[in-house]
Amino acid sequence: MHRETQQGLNLREVLGELVGRHSARWLGFVEQILRSAADAQDVLQEAVCRVLVAERCFSYEKDVRMYLSRAISKRAIELYHS
């Protein structure tokens, strides 16, 4: 189970587990959009950084997963349009 702080989940720990569990799916999704494995890796890293910098408090892992998925999608679309 995840260590919790008074503010909620341990975000770094949860992000590490989520990336380990879902990175192949997220990378495949982004690579389909950008047609570049290297860019897909960059998008995933940037999205994780965005989630960490946002300093939001999450109570549930599913909320972190949804927020990270949105950050990945948003960054992939930004890069596609640039």
C-alpha atoms as a PDB file:
ATOM      1  CA  MET A   1       0.000   0.000   0.000  1.00  0.00           C
ATOM      2  CA  HIS A   2       1.091   3.569  -0.499  1.00  0.00           C
ATOM      3  CA  ARG A   3       2.595   5.601   2.269  1.00  0.00           C
ATOM      4  CA  GLU A   4       0.356   8.518   3.058  1.00  0.00           C
ATOM      5  CA  THR A   5       1.275  11.877   4.491  1.00  0.00           C
ATOM      6  CA  GLN A   6      -1.090  14.199   6.263  1.00  0.00           C
ATOM      7  CA  GLN A   7      -1.598  15.878   2.886  1.00  0.00           C
ATOM      8  CA  GLY A   8      -2.498  12.638   1.079  1.00  0.00           C
ATOM      9  CA  LEU A   9      -0.591  10.073  -0.963  1.00  0.00           C
ATOM     10  CA  ASN A  10       3.182  10.026  -1.332  1.00  0.00           C
ATOM     11  CA  LEU A  11       3.122  11.453  -4.859  1.00  0.00           C
ATOM     12  CA  ARG A  12       6.626  10.424  -5.919  1.00  0.00           C
ATOM     13  CA  GLU A  13       6.035   6.844  -4.837  1.00  0.00           C
ATOM     14  CA  VAL A  14       2.672   6.641  -6.581  1.00  0.00           C
ATOM     15  CA  LEU A  15       4.044   8.210  -9.775  1.00  0.00           C
ATOM     16  CA  GLY A  16       6.900   5.715  -9.830  1.00  0.00           C
ATOM     17  CA  GLU A  17       4.483   2.802  -9.523  1.00  0.00           C
ATOM     18  CA  LEU A  18       2.133   4.211 -12.153  1.00  0.00           C
ATOM     19  CA  VAL A  19       4.913   4.831 -14.648  1.00  0.00           C
ATOM     20  CA  GLY A  20       6.243   1.343 -14.060  1.00  0.00           C
ATOM     21  CA  ARG A  21       2.810  -0.166 -14.597  1.00  0.00           C
ATOM     22  CA  HIS A  22       1.474   1.977 -17.465  1.00  0.00           C
ATOM     23  CA  SER A  23       4.466   3.448 -19.311  1.00  0.00           C
ATOM     24  CA  ALA A  24       4.294   1.012 -22.243  1.00  0.00           C
ATOM     25  CA  ARG A  25       0.676   1.963 -22.925  1.00  0.00           C
ATOM     26  CA  TRP A  26       1.337   5.704 -22.550  1.00  0.00           C
ATOM     27  CA  LEU A  27       4.469   5.567 -24.691  1.00  0.00           C
ATOM     28  CA  GLY A  28       2.620   3.667 -27.414  1.00  0.00           C
ATOM     29  CA  PHE A  29      -0.182   6.230 -27.394  1.00  0.00           C
ATOM     30  CA  VAL A  30       2.201   9.180 -27.652  1.00  0.00           C
ATOM     31  CA  GLU A  31       4.368   7.485 -30.269  1.00  0.00           C
ATOM     32  CA  GLN A  32       1.285   7.020 -32.470  1.00  0.00           C
ATOM     33  CA  ILE A  33       0.683  10.757 -32.296  1.00  0.00           C
ATOM     34  CA  LEU A  34       4.264  11.981 -32.692  1.00  0.00           C
ATOM     35  CA  ARG A  35       5.799   9.102 -34.699  1.00  0.00           C
ATOM     36  CA  SER A  36       8.917   9.242 -32.538  1.00  0.00           C
ATOM     37  CA  ALA A  37       9.930   6.977 -29.665  1.00  0.00           C
ATOM     38  CA  ALA A  38      12.376   9.602 -28.370  1.00  0.00           C
ATOM     39  CA  ASP A  39       9.699  12.300 -28.333  1.00  0.00           C
ATOM     40  CA  ALA A  40       7.319   9.910 -26.588  1.00  0.00           C
ATOM     41  CA  GLN A  41       9.903   9.355 -23.823  1.00  0.00           C
ATOM     42  CA  ASP A  42      10.353  13.123 -23.491  1.00  0.00           C
ATOM     43  CA  VAL A  43       6.603  13.668 -23.249  1.00  0.00           C
ATOM     44  CA  LEU A  44       6.272  11.088 -20.480  1.00  0.00           C
ATOM     45  CA  GLN A  45       9.140  12.636 -18.505  1.00  0.00           C
ATOM     46  CA  GLU A  46       7.802  16.166 -18.948  1.00  0.00           C
ATOM     47  CA  ALA A  47       4.314  15.102 -17.883  1.00  0.00           C
ATOM     48  CA  VAL A  48       5.636  13.494 -14.694  1.00  0.00           C
ATOM     49  CA  CYS A  49       7.552  16.705 -13.949  1.00  0.00           C
ATOM     50  CA  ARG A  50       4.411  18.767 -14.523  1.00  0.00           C
ATOM     51  CA  VAL A  51       2.477  16.638 -12.046  1.00  0.00           C
ATOM     52  CA  LEU A  52       5.241  16.990  -9.448  1.00  0.00           C
ATOM     53  CA  VAL A  53       5.557  20.742  -9.927  1.00  0.00           C
ATOM     54  CA  ALA A  54       1.795  21.251  -9.655  1.00  0.00           C
ATOM     55  CA  GLU A  55       2.048  20.163  -5.985  1.00  0.00           C
ATOM     56  CA  ARG A  56      -1.546  18.976  -5.887  1.00  0.00           C
ATOM     57  CA  CYS A  57      -2.764  16.834  -3.059  1.00  0.00           C
ATOM     58  CA  PHE A  58      -4.292  13.524  -4.155  1.00  0.00           C
ATOM     59  CA  SER A  59      -6.244  11.155  -1.961  1.00  0.00           C
ATOM     60  CA  TYR A  60      -6.429   8.236  -4.383  1.00  0.00           C
ATOM     61  CA  GLU A  61      -4.052   6.617  -6.848  1.00  0.00           C
ATOM     62  CA  LYS A  62      -6.742   6.703  -9.538  1.00  0.00           C
ATOM     63  CA  ASP A  63      -6.773  10.504  -9.304  1.00  0.00           C
ATOM     64  CA  VAL A  64      -3.009  10.649  -9.833  1.00  0.00           C
ATOM     65  CA  ARG A  65      -3.308   8.278 -12.803  1.00  0.00           C
ATOM     66  CA  MET A  66      -6.032  10.404 -14.386  1.00  0.00           C
ATOM     67  CA  TYR A  67      -4.113  13.647 -13.816  1.00  0.00           C
ATOM     68  CA  LEU A  68      -0.915  12.147 -15.257  1.00  0.00           C
ATOM     69  CA  SER A  69      -2.781  10.725 -18.251  1.00  0.00           C
ATOM     70  CA  ARG A  70      -4.192  14.167 -18.971  1.00  0.00           C
ATOM     71  CA  ALA A  71      -0.760  15.756 -18.639  1.00  0.00           C
ATOM     72  CA  ILE A  72       0.675  13.207 -21.088  1.00  0.00           C
ATOM     73  CA  SER A  73      -2.107  13.777 -23.612  1.00  0.00           C
ATOM     74  CA  LYS A  74      -1.878  17.538 -23.317  1.00  0.00           C
ATOM     75  CA  ARG A  75       1.904  17.594 -23.770  1.00  0.00           C
ATOM     76  CA  ALA A  76       1.734  15.219 -26.757  1.00  0.00           C
ATOM     77  CA  ILE A  77      -0.833  17.445 -28.453  1.00  0.00           C
ATOM     78  CA  GLU A  78       1.206  20.576 -27.691  1.00  0.00           C
ATOM     79  CA  LEU A  79       4.282  18.991 -29.257  1.00  0.00           C
ATOM     80  CA  TYR A  80       2.294  17.750 -32.253  1.00  0.00           C
ATOM     81  CA  HIS A  81       1.054  21.290 -32.977  1.00  0.00           C
ATOM     82  CA  SER A  82       4.442  22.946 -32.507  1.00  0.00           C
END
